[in-house]
Amino acid sequence: IQEIATVLSRDGKIKVLVHSIAKGNLKPMRSGSEKILEAAD
């Protein structure tokens, strides 16, 4: 955010913020062979 503020300088502003973060765990809740979801996941 500090770097973005520098990029924008004085008169630039963010008109659009698009959140497209895809980071997570794709585990089952029950399985005999795979790791299952835990609270940390």
PDB file of all heavy atoms in Angstrom:
ATOM      1  N   ILE A   1       0.831  -1.200   0.000  1.00  0.00           N
ATOM      2  CA  ILE A   1       0.000   0.000   0.000  1.00  0.00           C
ATOM      3  C   ILE A   1       0.868   1.254   0.000  1.00  0.00           C
ATOM      4  O   ILE A   1       0.558   2.247  -0.671  1.00  0.00           O
ATOM      5  CB  ILE A   1      -0.984  -0.035   1.189  1.00  0.00           C
ATOM      6  CG1 ILE A   1      -2.064  -1.094   0.904  1.00  0.00           C
ATOM      7  CG2 ILE A   1      -1.621   1.333   1.438  1.00  0.00           C
ATOM      8  CD1 ILE A   1      -3.029  -1.345   2.031  1.00  0.00           C
ATOM      9  N   GLN A   2       1.999   1.205   0.691  1.00  0.00           N
ATOM     10  CA  GLN A   2       2.935   2.330   0.641  1.00  0.00           C
ATOM     11  C   GLN A   2       3.494   2.504  -0.773  1.00  0.00           C
ATOM     12  O   GLN A   2       3.619   3.633  -1.275  1.00  0.00           O
ATOM     13  CB  GLN A   2       4.074   2.106   1.635  1.00  0.00           C
ATOM     14  CG  GLN A   2       3.650   2.195   3.091  1.00  0.00           C
ATOM     15  CD  GLN A   2       4.800   1.873   4.038  1.00  0.00           C
ATOM     16  OE1 GLN A   2       5.865   1.414   3.630  1.00  0.00           O
ATOM     17  NE2 GLN A   2       4.580   2.110   5.319  1.00  0.00           N
ATOM     18  N   GLU A   3       3.823   1.381  -1.420  1.00  0.00           N
ATOM     19  CA  GLU A   3       4.343   1.448  -2.793  1.00  0.00           C
ATOM     20  C   GLU A   3       3.282   1.967  -3.760  1.00  0.00           C
ATOM     21  O   GLU A   3       3.579   2.746  -4.663  1.00  0.00           O
ATOM     22  CB  GLU A   3       4.820   0.058  -3.233  1.00  0.00           C
ATOM     23  CG  GLU A   3       6.052  -0.439  -2.504  1.00  0.00           C
ATOM     24  CD  GLU A   3       7.263   0.426  -2.795  1.00  0.00           C
ATOM     25  OE1 GLU A   3       7.597   0.616  -3.976  1.00  0.00           O
ATOM     26  OE2 GLU A   3       7.880   0.928  -1.827  1.00  0.00           O
ATOM     27  N   ILE A   4       2.048   1.523  -3.566  1.00  0.00           N
ATOM     28  CA  ILE A   4       0.962   1.980  -4.428  1.00  0.00           C
ATOM     29  C   ILE A   4       0.752   3.480  -4.264  1.00  0.00           C
ATOM     30  O   ILE A   4       0.542   4.204  -5.241  1.00  0.00           O
ATOM     31  CB  ILE A   4      -0.325   1.194  -4.122  1.00  0.00           C
ATOM     32  CG1 ILE A   4      -0.160  -0.263  -4.591  1.00  0.00           C
ATOM     33  CG2 ILE A   4      -1.540   1.834  -4.777  1.00  0.00           C
ATOM     34  CD1 ILE A   4      -1.228  -1.202  -4.087  1.00  0.00           C
ATOM     35  N   ALA A   5       0.835   3.959  -3.026  1.00  0.00           N
ATOM     36  CA  ALA A   5       0.700   5.396  -2.779  1.00  0.00           C
ATOM     37  C   ALA A   5       1.780   6.167  -3.528  1.00  0.00           C
ATOM     38  O   ALA A   5       1.530   7.256  -4.072  1.00  0.00           O
ATOM     39  CB  ALA A   5       0.778   5.680  -1.282  1.00  0.00           C
ATOM     40  N   THR A   6       2.975   5.619  -3.588  1.00  0.00           N
ATOM     41  CA  THR A   6       4.071   6.263  -4.317  1.00  0.00           C
ATOM     42  C   THR A   6       3.790   6.277  -5.818  1.00  0.00           C
ATOM     43  O   THR A   6       4.042   7.279  -6.502  1.00  0.00           O
ATOM     44  CB  THR A   6       5.396   5.533  -4.042  1.00  0.00           C
ATOM     45  OG1 THR A   6       5.668   5.575  -2.640  1.00  0.00           O
ATOM     46  CG2 THR A   6       6.547   6.177  -4.802  1.00  0.00           C
ATOM     47  N   VAL A   7       3.267   5.168  -6.329  1.00  0.00           N
ATOM     48  CA  VAL A   7       2.924   5.089  -7.752  1.00  0.00           C
ATOM     49  C   VAL A   7       1.874   6.142  -8.110  1.00  0.00           C
ATOM     50  O   VAL A   7       1.967   6.820  -9.134  1.00  0.00           O
ATOM     51  CB  VAL A   7       2.408   3.678  -8.111  1.00  0.00           C
ATOM     52  CG1 VAL A   7       1.799   3.661  -9.509  1.00  0.00           C
ATOM     53  CG2 VAL A   7       3.530   2.652  -8.019  1.00  0.00           C
ATOM     54  N   LEU A   8       0.891   6.297  -7.241  1.00  0.00           N
ATOM     55  CA  LEU A   8      -0.204   7.227  -7.518  1.00  0.00           C
ATOM     56  C   LEU A   8       0.239   8.677  -7.408  1.00  0.00           C
ATOM     57  O   LEU A   8      -0.348   9.556  -8.042  1.00  0.00           O
ATOM     58  CB  LEU A   8      -1.366   6.979  -6.550  1.00  0.00           C
ATOM     59  CG  LEU A   8      -2.012   5.593  -6.603  1.00  0.00           C
ATOM     60  CD1 LEU A   8      -3.123   5.505  -5.571  1.00  0.00           C
ATOM     61  CD2 LEU A   8      -2.559   5.292  -7.983  1.00  0.00           C
ATOM     62  N   SER A   9       1.259   8.932  -6.588  1.00  0.00           N
ATOM     63  CA  SER A   9       1.762  10.277  -6.288  1.00  0.00           C
ATOM     64  C   SER A   9       0.634  11.147  -5.753  1.00  0.00           C
ATOM     65  O   SER A   9      -0.231  10.683  -5.028  1.00  0.00           O
ATOM     66  CB  SER A   9       2.441  10.887  -7.515  1.00  0.00           C
ATOM     67  OG  SER A   9       1.501  11.138  -8.542  1.00  0.00           O
ATOM     68  N   ARG A  10       0.591  12.408  -6.124  1.00  0.00           N
ATOM     69  CA  ARG A  10      -0.372  13.330  -5.515  1.00  0.00           C
ATOM     70  C   ARG A  10      -1.777  13.225  -6.087  1.00  0.00           C
ATOM     71  O   ARG A  10      -2.753  13.277  -5.363  1.00  0.00           O
ATOM     72  CB  ARG A  10       0.118  14.778  -5.655  1.00  0.00           C
ATOM     73  CG  ARG A  10       1.342  15.101  -4.822  1.00  0.00           C
ATOM     74  CD  ARG A  10       1.670  16.575  -4.948  1.00  0.00           C
ATOM     75  NE  ARG A  10       2.826  16.942  -4.128  1.00  0.00           N
ATOM     76  CZ  ARG A  10       3.317  18.170  -4.051  1.00  0.00           C
ATOM     77  NH1 ARG A  10       2.728  19.144  -4.738  1.00  0.00           N
ATOM     78  NH2 ARG A  10       4.363  18.435  -3.300  1.00  0.00           N
ATOM     79  N   ASP A  11      -1.891  13.137  -7.409  1.00  0.00           N
ATOM     80  CA  ASP A  11      -3.201  13.274  -8.022  1.00  0.00           C
ATOM     81  C   ASP A  11      -3.796  11.987  -8.558  1.00  0.00           C
ATOM     82  O   ASP A  11      -4.876  11.996  -9.136  1.00  0.00           O
ATOM     83  CB  ASP A  11      -3.158  14.309  -9.152  1.00  0.00           C
ATOM     84  CG  ASP A  11      -1.993  14.075 -10.106  1.00  0.00           C
ATOM     85  OD1 ASP A  11      -1.231  13.129  -9.874  1.00  0.00           O
ATOM     86  OD2 ASP A  11      -1.859  14.848 -11.069  1.00  0.00           O
ATOM     87  N   GLY A  12      -3.135  10.859  -8.388  1.00  0.00           N
ATOM     88  CA  GLY A  12      -3.693   9.594  -8.816  1.00  0.00           C
ATOM     89  C   GLY A  12      -4.531   8.959  -7.723  1.00  0.00           C
ATOM     90  O   GLY A  12      -4.231   9.115  -6.541  1.00  0.00           O
ATOM     91  N   LYS A  13      -5.586   8.259  -8.110  1.00  0.00           N
ATOM     92  CA  LYS A  13      -6.448   7.567  -7.161  1.00  0.00           C
ATOM     93  C   LYS A  13      -6.858   6.214  -7.740  1.00  0.00           C
ATOM     94  O   LYS A  13      -6.892   6.019  -8.954  1.00  0.00           O
ATOM     95  CB  LYS A  13      -7.698   8.389  -6.859  1.00  0.00           C
ATOM     96  CG  LYS A  13      -7.446   9.686  -6.085  1.00  0.00           C
ATOM     97  CD  LYS A  13      -7.066   9.425  -4.637  1.00  0.00           C
ATOM     98  CE  LYS A  13      -6.906  10.724  -3.860  1.00  0.00           C
ATOM     99  NZ  LYS A  13      -6.526  10.471  -2.443  1.00  0.00           N
ATOM    100  N   ILE A  14      -7.194   5.292  -6.842  1.00  0.00           N
ATOM    101  CA  ILE A  14      -7.708   3.998  -7.261  1.00  0.00           C
ATOM    102  C   ILE A  14      -9.214   4.121  -7.473  1.00  0.00           C
ATOM    103  O   ILE A  14      -9.967   4.341  -6.532  1.00  0.00           O
ATOM    104  CB  ILE A  14      -7.412   2.903  -6.214  1.00  0.00           C
ATOM    105  CG1 ILE A  14      -5.902   2.724  -6.023  1.00  0.00           C
ATOM    106  CG2 ILE A  14      -8.079   1.582  -6.620  1.00  0.00           C
ATOM    107  CD1 ILE A  14      -5.169   2.179  -7.225  1.00  0.00           C
ATOM    108  N   LYS A  15      -9.629   3.974  -8.706  1.00  0.00           N
ATOM    109  CA  LYS A  15     -11.058   4.015  -9.038  1.00  0.00           C
ATOM    110  C   LYS A  15     -11.696   2.634  -8.895  1.00  0.00           C
ATOM    111  O   LYS A  15     -12.878   2.514  -8.564  1.00  0.00           O
ATOM    112  CB  LYS A  15     -11.222   4.515 -10.471  1.00  0.00           C
ATOM    113  CG  LYS A  15     -12.631   4.464 -11.017  1.00  0.00           C
ATOM    114  CD  LYS A  15     -13.509   5.531 -10.434  1.00  0.00           C
ATOM    115  CE  LYS A  15     -14.857   5.575 -11.173  1.00  0.00           C
ATOM    116  NZ  LYS A  15     -15.723   6.651 -10.672  1.00  0.00           N
ATOM    117  N   VAL A  16     -10.890   1.584  -9.145  1.00  0.00           N
ATOM    118  CA  VAL A  16     -11.418   0.221  -9.157  1.00  0.00           C
ATOM    119  C   VAL A  16     -10.475  -0.701  -8.394  1.00  0.00           C
ATOM    120  O   VAL A  16      -9.265  -0.695  -8.641  1.00  0.00           O
ATOM    121  CB  VAL A  16     -11.562  -0.315 -10.603  1.00  0.00           C
ATOM    122  CG1 VAL A  16     -12.289  -1.652 -10.600  1.00  0.00           C
ATOM    123  CG2 VAL A  16     -12.265   0.683 -11.496  1.00  0.00           C
ATOM    124  N   LEU A  17     -11.035  -1.486  -7.491  1.00  0.00           N
ATOM    125  CA  LEU A  17     -10.293  -2.550  -6.822  1.00  0.00           C
ATOM    126  C   LEU A  17     -10.977  -3.872  -7.165  1.00  0.00           C
ATOM    127  O   LEU A  17     -12.162  -4.065  -6.865  1.00  0.00           O
ATOM    128  CB  LEU A  17     -10.291  -2.346  -5.305  1.00  0.00           C
ATOM    129  CG  LEU A  17      -9.769  -3.527  -4.458  1.00  0.00           C
ATOM    130  CD1 LEU A  17      -8.321  -3.856  -4.798  1.00  0.00           C
ATOM    131  CD2 LEU A  17      -9.915  -3.235  -2.971  1.00  0.00           C
ATOM    132  N   VAL A  18     -10.241  -4.757  -7.822  1.00  0.00           N
ATOM    133  CA  VAL A  18     -10.762  -6.077  -8.185  1.00  0.00           C
ATOM    134  C   VAL A  18     -10.028  -7.125  -7.360  1.00  0.00           C
ATOM    135  O   VAL A  18      -8.802  -7.245  -7.450  1.00  0.00           O
ATOM    136  CB  VAL A  18     -10.583  -6.358  -9.687  1.00  0.00           C
ATOM    137  CG1 VAL A  18     -11.078  -7.764 -10.022  1.00  0.00           C
ATOM    138  CG2 VAL A  18     -11.320  -5.323 -10.528  1.00  0.00           C
ATOM    139  N   HIS A  19     -10.789  -7.863  -6.556  1.00  0.00           N
ATOM    140  CA  HIS A  19     -10.222  -8.917  -5.707  1.00  0.00           C
ATOM    141  C   HIS A  19     -10.393 -10.250  -6.428  1.00  0.00           C
ATOM    142  O   HIS A  19     -11.502 -10.743  -6.607  1.00  0.00           O
ATOM    143  CB  HIS A  19     -10.953  -8.931  -4.365  1.00  0.00           C
ATOM    144  CG  HIS A  19     -10.416  -9.916  -3.376  1.00  0.00           C
ATOM    145  ND1 HIS A  19     -10.676 -11.270  -3.458  1.00  0.00           N
ATOM    146  CD2 HIS A  19      -9.634  -9.753  -2.268  1.00  0.00           C
ATOM    147  CE1 HIS A  19     -10.087 -11.887  -2.445  1.00  0.00           C
ATOM    148  NE2 HIS A  19      -9.449 -10.986  -1.718  1.00  0.00           N
ATOM    149  N   SER A  20      -9.281 -10.834  -6.857  1.00  0.00           N
ATOM    150  CA  SER A  20      -9.314 -12.095  -7.606  1.00  0.00           C
ATOM    151  C   SER A  20      -8.309 -13.085  -7.023  1.00  0.00           C
ATOM    152  O   SER A  20      -7.680 -13.852  -7.753  1.00  0.00           O
ATOM    153  CB  SER A  20      -8.998 -11.831  -9.087  1.00  0.00           C
ATOM    154  OG  SER A  20      -9.104 -13.013  -9.846  1.00  0.00           O
ATOM    155  N   ILE A  21      -8.158 -13.060  -5.706  1.00  0.00           N
ATOM    156  CA  ILE A  21      -7.199 -13.937  -5.045  1.00  0.00           C
ATOM    157  C   ILE A  21      -7.786 -15.340  -4.923  1.00  0.00           C
ATOM    158  O   ILE A  21      -8.886 -15.517  -4.398  1.00  0.00           O
ATOM    159  CB  ILE A  21      -6.819 -13.389  -3.659  1.00  0.00           C
ATOM    160  CG1 ILE A  21      -6.079 -12.052  -3.818  1.00  0.00           C
ATOM    161  CG2 ILE A  21      -5.963 -14.385  -2.890  1.00  0.00           C
ATOM    162  CD1 ILE A  21      -5.795 -11.338  -2.507  1.00  0.00           C
ATOM    163  N   ALA A  22      -7.051 -16.321  -5.409  1.00  0.00           N
ATOM    164  CA  ALA A  22      -7.468 -17.724  -5.328  1.00  0.00           C
ATOM    165  C   ALA A  22      -6.375 -18.500  -4.605  1.00  0.00           C
ATOM    166  O   ALA A  22      -5.421 -18.971  -5.222  1.00  0.00           O
ATOM    167  CB  ALA A  22      -7.713 -18.295  -6.715  1.00  0.00           C
ATOM    168  N   LYS A  23      -6.513 -18.575  -3.302  1.00  0.00           N
ATOM    169  CA  LYS A  23      -5.525 -19.268  -2.495  1.00  0.00           C
ATOM    170  C   LYS A  23      -6.248 -19.983  -1.362  1.00  0.00           C
ATOM    171  O   LYS A  23      -6.885 -19.346  -0.531  1.00  0.00           O
ATOM    172  CB  LYS A  23      -4.503 -18.276  -1.911  1.00  0.00           C
ATOM    173  CG  LYS A  23      -3.455 -18.920  -1.011  1.00  0.00           C
ATOM    174  CD  LYS A  23      -2.500 -17.871  -0.459  1.00  0.00           C
ATOM    175  CE  LYS A  23      -1.455 -18.500   0.450  1.00  0.00           C
ATOM    176  NZ  LYS A  23      -0.523 -17.481   1.002  1.00  0.00           N
ATOM    177  N   GLY A  24      -6.200 -21.300  -1.375  1.00  0.00           N
ATOM    178  CA  GLY A  24      -6.917 -22.025  -0.337  1.00  0.00           C
ATOM    179  C   GLY A  24      -6.678 -23.519  -0.412  1.00  0.00           C
ATOM    180  O   GLY A  24      -5.924 -24.002  -1.272  1.00  0.00           O
ATOM    181  N   ASN A  25      -7.337 -24.223   0.473  1.00  0.00           N
ATOM    182  CA  ASN A  25      -7.166 -25.678   0.555  1.00  0.00           C
ATOM    183  C   ASN A  25      -8.352 -26.399  -0.051  1.00  0.00           C
ATOM    184  O   ASN A  25      -9.506 -26.100   0.267  1.00  0.00           O
ATOM    185  CB  ASN A  25      -7.003 -26.093   2.018  1.00  0.00           C
ATOM    186  CG  ASN A  25      -5.622 -25.754   2.553  1.00  0.00           C
ATOM    187  OD1 ASN A  25      -4.621 -26.252   2.056  1.00  0.00           O
ATOM    188  ND2 ASN A  25      -5.571 -24.891   3.544  1.00  0.00           N
ATOM    189  N   LEU A  26      -8.039 -27.330  -0.940  1.00  0.00           N
ATOM    190  CA  LEU A  26      -9.057 -28.144  -1.602  1.00  0.00           C
ATOM    191  C   LEU A  26      -8.922 -29.572  -1.093  1.00  0.00           C
ATOM    192  O   LEU A  26      -8.415 -30.464  -1.774  1.00  0.00           O
ATOM    193  CB  LEU A  26      -8.881 -28.069  -3.115  1.00  0.00           C
ATOM    194  CG  LEU A  26      -9.153 -26.694  -3.730  1.00  0.00           C
ATOM    195  CD1 LEU A  26      -8.573 -26.597  -5.131  1.00  0.00           C
ATOM    196  CD2 LEU A  26     -10.647 -26.404  -3.744  1.00  0.00           C
ATOM    197  N   LYS A  27      -9.366 -29.771   0.132  1.00  0.00           N
ATOM    198  CA  LYS A  27      -9.289 -31.085   0.781  1.00  0.00           C
ATOM    199  C   LYS A  27     -10.700 -31.568   1.105  1.00  0.00           C
ATOM    200  O   LYS A  27     -11.608 -30.766   1.317  1.00  0.00           O
ATOM    201  CB  LYS A  27      -8.481 -30.988   2.074  1.00  0.00           C
ATOM    202  CG  LYS A  27      -7.030 -30.577   1.906  1.00  0.00           C
ATOM    203  CD  LYS A  27      -6.358 -30.466   3.267  1.00  0.00           C
ATOM    204  CE  LYS A  27      -4.924 -29.990   3.154  1.00  0.00           C
ATOM    205  NZ  LYS A  27      -4.300 -29.816   4.493  1.00  0.00           N
ATOM    206  N   PRO A  28     -10.880 -32.881   1.181  1.00  0.00           N
ATOM    207  CA  PRO A  28     -12.196 -33.404   1.562  1.00  0.00           C
ATOM    208  C   PRO A  28     -12.411 -33.303   3.065  1.00  0.00           C
ATOM    209  O   PRO A  28     -11.466 -33.099   3.833  1.00  0.00           O
ATOM    210  CB  PRO A  28     -12.111 -34.865   1.127  1.00  0.00           C
ATOM    211  CG  PRO A  28     -10.663 -35.213   1.293  1.00  0.00           C
ATOM    212  CD  PRO A  28      -9.907 -33.952   0.907  1.00  0.00           C
ATOM    213  N   MET A  29     -13.661 -33.451   3.482  1.00  0.00           N
ATOM    214  CA  MET A  29     -13.972 -33.504   4.907  1.00  0.00           C
ATOM    215  C   MET A  29     -13.850 -34.923   5.458  1.00  0.00           C
ATOM    216  O   MET A  29     -13.733 -35.110   6.668  1.00  0.00           O
ATOM    217  CB  MET A  29     -15.379 -32.962   5.156  1.00  0.00           C
ATOM    218  CG  MET A  29     -15.508 -31.467   4.931  1.00  0.00           C
ATOM    219  SD  MET A  29     -17.173 -30.890   5.350  1.00  0.00           S
ATOM    220  CE  MET A  29     -16.892 -29.109   5.326  1.00  0.00           C
ATOM    221  N   ARG A  30     -13.879 -35.889   4.547  1.00  0.00           N
ATOM    222  CA  ARG A  30     -13.753 -37.282   4.966  1.00  0.00           C
ATOM    223  C   ARG A  30     -13.072 -38.069   3.862  1.00  0.00           C
ATOM    224  O   ARG A  30     -13.417 -37.941   2.685  1.00  0.00           O
ATOM    225  CB  ARG A  30     -15.133 -37.876   5.259  1.00  0.00           C
ATOM    226  CG  ARG A  30     -15.118 -39.311   5.733  1.00  0.00           C
ATOM    227  CD  ARG A  30     -16.519 -39.769   6.139  1.00  0.00           C
ATOM    228  NE  ARG A  30     -16.553 -41.183   6.455  1.00  0.00           N
ATOM    229  CZ  ARG A  30     -16.162 -41.709   7.617  1.00  0.00           C
ATOM    230  NH1 ARG A  30     -15.713 -40.907   8.574  1.00  0.00           N
ATOM    231  NH2 ARG A  30     -16.228 -43.000   7.843  1.00  0.00           N
ATOM    232  N   SER A  31     -12.069 -38.857   4.216  1.00  0.00           N
ATOM    233  CA  SER A  31     -11.342 -39.656   3.224  1.00  0.00           C
ATOM    234  C   SER A  31     -10.533 -40.732   3.923  1.00  0.00           C
ATOM    235  O   SER A  31     -10.027 -40.522   5.035  1.00  0.00           O
ATOM    236  CB  SER A  31     -10.410 -38.763   2.398  1.00  0.00           C
ATOM    237  OG  SER A  31      -9.626 -39.534   1.516  1.00  0.00           O
ATOM    238  N   GLY A  32     -10.408 -41.846   3.252  1.00  0.00           N
ATOM    239  CA  GLY A  32      -9.570 -42.916   3.778  1.00  0.00           C
ATOM    240  C   GLY A  32      -8.149 -42.839   3.271  1.00  0.00           C
ATOM    241  O   GLY A  32      -7.278 -43.562   3.773  1.00  0.00           O
ATOM    242  N   SER A  33      -7.891 -41.973   2.289  1.00  0.00           N
ATOM    243  CA  SER A  33      -6.558 -41.913   1.679  1.00  0.00           C
ATOM    244  C   SER A  33      -5.968 -40.511   1.619  1.00  0.00           C
ATOM    245  O   SER A  33      -4.752 -40.365   1.484  1.00  0.00           O
ATOM    246  CB  SER A  33      -6.619 -42.491   0.263  1.00  0.00           C
ATOM    247  OG  SER A  33      -7.554 -41.771  -0.527  1.00  0.00           O
ATOM    248  N   GLU A  34      -6.783 -39.477   1.706  1.00  0.00           N
ATOM    249  CA  GLU A  34      -6.296 -38.105   1.589  1.00  0.00           C
ATOM    250  C   GLU A  34      -6.340 -37.403   2.943  1.00  0.00           C
ATOM    251  O   GLU A  34      -7.098 -37.791   3.839  1.00  0.00           O
ATOM    252  CB  GLU A  34      -7.178 -37.312   0.615  1.00  0.00           C
ATOM    253  CG  GLU A  34      -7.211 -37.848  -0.787  1.00  0.00           C
ATOM    254  CD  GLU A  34      -8.172 -37.031  -1.652  1.00  0.00           C
ATOM    255  OE1 GLU A  34      -7.802 -35.897  -2.011  1.00  0.00           O
ATOM    256  OE2 GLU A  34      -9.280 -37.509  -1.938  1.00  0.00           O
ATOM    257  N   LYS A  35      -5.518 -36.358   3.060  1.00  0.00           N
ATOM    258  CA  LYS A  35      -5.605 -35.503   4.242  1.00  0.00           C
ATOM    259  C   LYS A  35      -6.934 -34.763   4.218  1.00  0.00           C
ATOM    260  O   LYS A  35      -7.391 -34.328   3.161  1.00  0.00           O
ATOM    261  CB  LYS A  35      -4.448 -34.503   4.269  1.00  0.00           C
ATOM    262  CG  LYS A  35      -3.096 -35.134   4.539  1.00  0.00           C
ATOM    263  CD  LYS A  35      -2.023 -34.060   4.638  1.00  0.00           C
ATOM    264  CE  LYS A  35      -0.668 -34.672   4.959  1.00  0.00           C
ATOM    265  NZ  LYS A  35       0.399 -33.634   5.055  1.00  0.00           N
ATOM    266  N   ILE A  36      -7.562 -34.652   5.375  1.00  0.00           N
ATOM    267  CA  ILE A  36      -8.861 -33.988   5.426  1.00  0.00           C
ATOM    268  C   ILE A  36      -8.731 -32.574   5.989  1.00  0.00           C
ATOM    269  O   ILE A  36      -7.706 -32.207   6.571  1.00  0.00           O
ATOM    270  CB  ILE A  36      -9.873 -34.805   6.249  1.00  0.00           C
ATOM    271  CG1 ILE A  36      -9.419 -34.930   7.712  1.00  0.00           C
ATOM    272  CG2 ILE A  36     -10.079 -36.176   5.636  1.00  0.00           C
ATOM    273  CD1 ILE A  36     -10.467 -35.563   8.615  1.00  0.00           C
ATOM    274  N   LEU A  37      -9.771 -31.792   5.800  1.00  0.00           N
ATOM    275  CA  LEU A  37      -9.768 -30.402   6.237  1.00  0.00           C
ATOM    276  C   LEU A  37      -9.624 -30.286   7.743  1.00  0.00           C
ATOM    277  O   LEU A  37     -10.286 -30.992   8.507  1.00  0.00           O
ATOM    278  CB  LEU A  37     -11.056 -29.708   5.805  1.00  0.00           C
ATOM    279  CG  LEU A  37     -11.161 -29.272   4.351  1.00  0.00           C
ATOM    280  CD1 LEU A  37     -12.588 -28.843   4.040  1.00  0.00           C
ATOM    281  CD2 LEU A  37     -10.184 -28.146   4.046  1.00  0.00           C
ATOM    282  N   GLU A  38      -8.748 -29.382   8.152  1.00  0.00           N
ATOM    283  CA  GLU A  38      -8.578 -29.042   9.560  1.00  0.00           C
ATOM    284  C   GLU A  38      -8.957 -27.572   9.746  1.00  0.00           C
ATOM    285  O   GLU A  38      -9.105 -26.822   8.771  1.00  0.00           O
ATOM    286  CB  GLU A  38      -7.124 -29.271   9.989  1.00  0.00           C
ATOM    287  CG  GLU A  38      -6.597 -30.669   9.756  1.00  0.00           C
ATOM    288  CD  GLU A  38      -7.203 -31.702  10.694  1.00  0.00           C
ATOM    289  OE1 GLU A  38      -7.874 -31.296  11.675  1.00  0.00           O
ATOM    290  OE2 GLU A  38      -7.010 -32.909  10.444  1.00  0.00           O
ATOM    291  N   ALA A  39      -9.063 -27.163  10.986  1.00  0.00           N
ATOM    292  CA  ALA A  39      -9.437 -25.775  11.278  1.00  0.00           C
ATOM    293  C   ALA A  39      -8.453 -24.796  10.635  1.00  0.00           C
ATOM    294  O   ALA A  39      -8.863 -23.745  10.115  1.00  0.00           O
ATOM    295  CB  ALA A  39      -9.489 -25.552  12.788  1.00  0.00           C
ATOM    296  N   ALA A  40      -7.165 -25.135  10.637  1.00  0.00           N
ATOM    297  CA  ALA A  40      -6.156 -24.246  10.052  1.00  0.00           C
ATOM    298  C   ALA A  40      -6.373 -24.061   8.551  1.00  0.00           C
ATOM    299  O   ALA A  40      -6.094 -22.985   8.002  1.00  0.00           O
ATOM    300  CB  ALA A  40      -4.756 -24.799  10.310  1.00  0.00           C
ATOM    301  N   ASP A  41      -6.887 -25.103   7.885  1.00  0.00           N
ATOM    302  CA  ASP A  41      -7.170 -24.990   6.453  1.00  0.00           C
ATOM    303  C   ASP A  41      -8.291 -23.985   6.193  1.00  0.00           C
ATOM    304  O   ASP A  41      -8.234 -23.198   5.242  1.00  0.00           O
ATOM    305  CB  ASP A  41      -7.565 -26.357   5.887  1.00  0.00           C
ATOM    306  CG  ASP A  41      -6.455 -27.382   5.995  1.00  0.00           C
ATOM    307  OD1 ASP A  41      -5.301 -27.032   5.699  1.00  0.00           O
ATOM    308  OD2 ASP A  41      -6.750 -28.523   6.364  1.00  0.00           O
TER     309      ASP A  41
END
